[in-house]
Protein backbone atom coordinates (compact mmCIF):
# COMPACT_ATOMS: atom_id res chain seq x y z
CA MET A 1 -111.10 35.73 -88.25
CA ALA A 2 -109.67 35.35 -84.76
CA LEU A 3 -110.76 33.58 -81.59
CA LEU A 4 -110.90 35.08 -78.11
CA ALA A 5 -110.89 32.69 -75.17
CA THR A 6 -113.40 35.04 -73.50
CA LEU A 7 -115.06 38.26 -74.66
CA LYS A 8 -116.08 40.48 -71.73
CA PHE A 9 -118.53 43.35 -72.06
CA GLY A 10 -119.15 44.94 -68.67
CA GLU A 11 -119.98 42.05 -66.36
CA PHE A 12 -121.12 39.78 -69.18
CA SER A 13 -118.77 37.34 -70.90
CA LEU A 14 -118.95 34.93 -73.84
CA PRO A 15 -116.41 32.08 -74.11
CA ASN A 16 -114.67 31.11 -77.37
CA PHE A 17 -115.83 34.16 -79.33
CA GLU A 18 -114.82 34.54 -83.00
CA PHE A 19 -114.35 38.08 -84.27
CA GLU A 20 -113.03 40.10 -87.19
CA VAL A 21 -111.17 43.40 -87.27
CA GLY A 22 -111.40 45.63 -90.31
CA GLY A 23 -111.66 49.19 -91.47
CA MET A 24 -114.96 50.75 -92.48
CA ASP A 25 -115.68 54.33 -93.50
CA TYR A 26 -119.22 55.58 -92.99
CA GLY A 27 -118.29 59.26 -93.13
CA PHE A 28 -118.47 59.61 -89.33
CA LYS A 29 -116.61 58.16 -86.37
CA ILE A 30 -117.70 54.73 -85.13
CA HIS A 31 -115.86 53.30 -82.12
CA ASP A 32 -117.12 49.71 -82.24
CA ILE A 33 -119.81 47.58 -83.84
CA LEU A 34 -121.49 44.77 -81.91
CA GLY A 35 -122.57 42.06 -84.33
CA MET A 36 -125.75 40.04 -84.20
CA ASP A 37 -123.80 36.92 -83.17
CA PHE A 38 -122.68 38.72 -79.99
CA LEU A 39 -126.06 40.36 -79.34
CA ILE A 40 -127.97 37.08 -79.72
CA GLY A 41 -125.39 35.01 -77.83
CA SER A 42 -125.42 37.43 -74.92
CA GLY A 43 -129.21 37.79 -74.76
CA ALA A 44 -128.80 41.55 -75.20
CA ILE A 45 -131.83 43.80 -74.86
CA ILE A 46 -131.46 47.28 -76.39
CA ASN A 47 -133.94 50.07 -75.67
CA LEU A 48 -133.86 51.97 -78.96
CA ASN A 49 -135.34 55.11 -77.36
CA THR A 50 -132.65 55.57 -74.71
CA MET A 51 -129.95 53.18 -76.11
CA PRO A 52 -128.85 51.28 -72.97
CA ILE A 53 -127.89 47.63 -73.41
CA GLN A 54 -129.02 45.07 -70.83
CA PHE A 55 -127.91 41.44 -70.72
CA GLU A 56 -129.80 38.38 -69.55
CA LEU A 57 -127.19 37.01 -67.17
C-alpha cells in the first residue's frame, strides 16, 4: 500500500489517496482499474451504455 498526496483524474483530485500496484492476468489487456474507494470518494457517475465517467465536482 502506498499514499499519494493527491490523485488527479482529469480535473478531479482526491487528497491523501492510498493505492496498491500489482499484476493481474485476465487474458486480455487492462490499462488501469479504478477501485470503488476512488469511484465513491470522487462521486463518479458512469453511464454503462456509453462508458463516460462524470465527477460531481
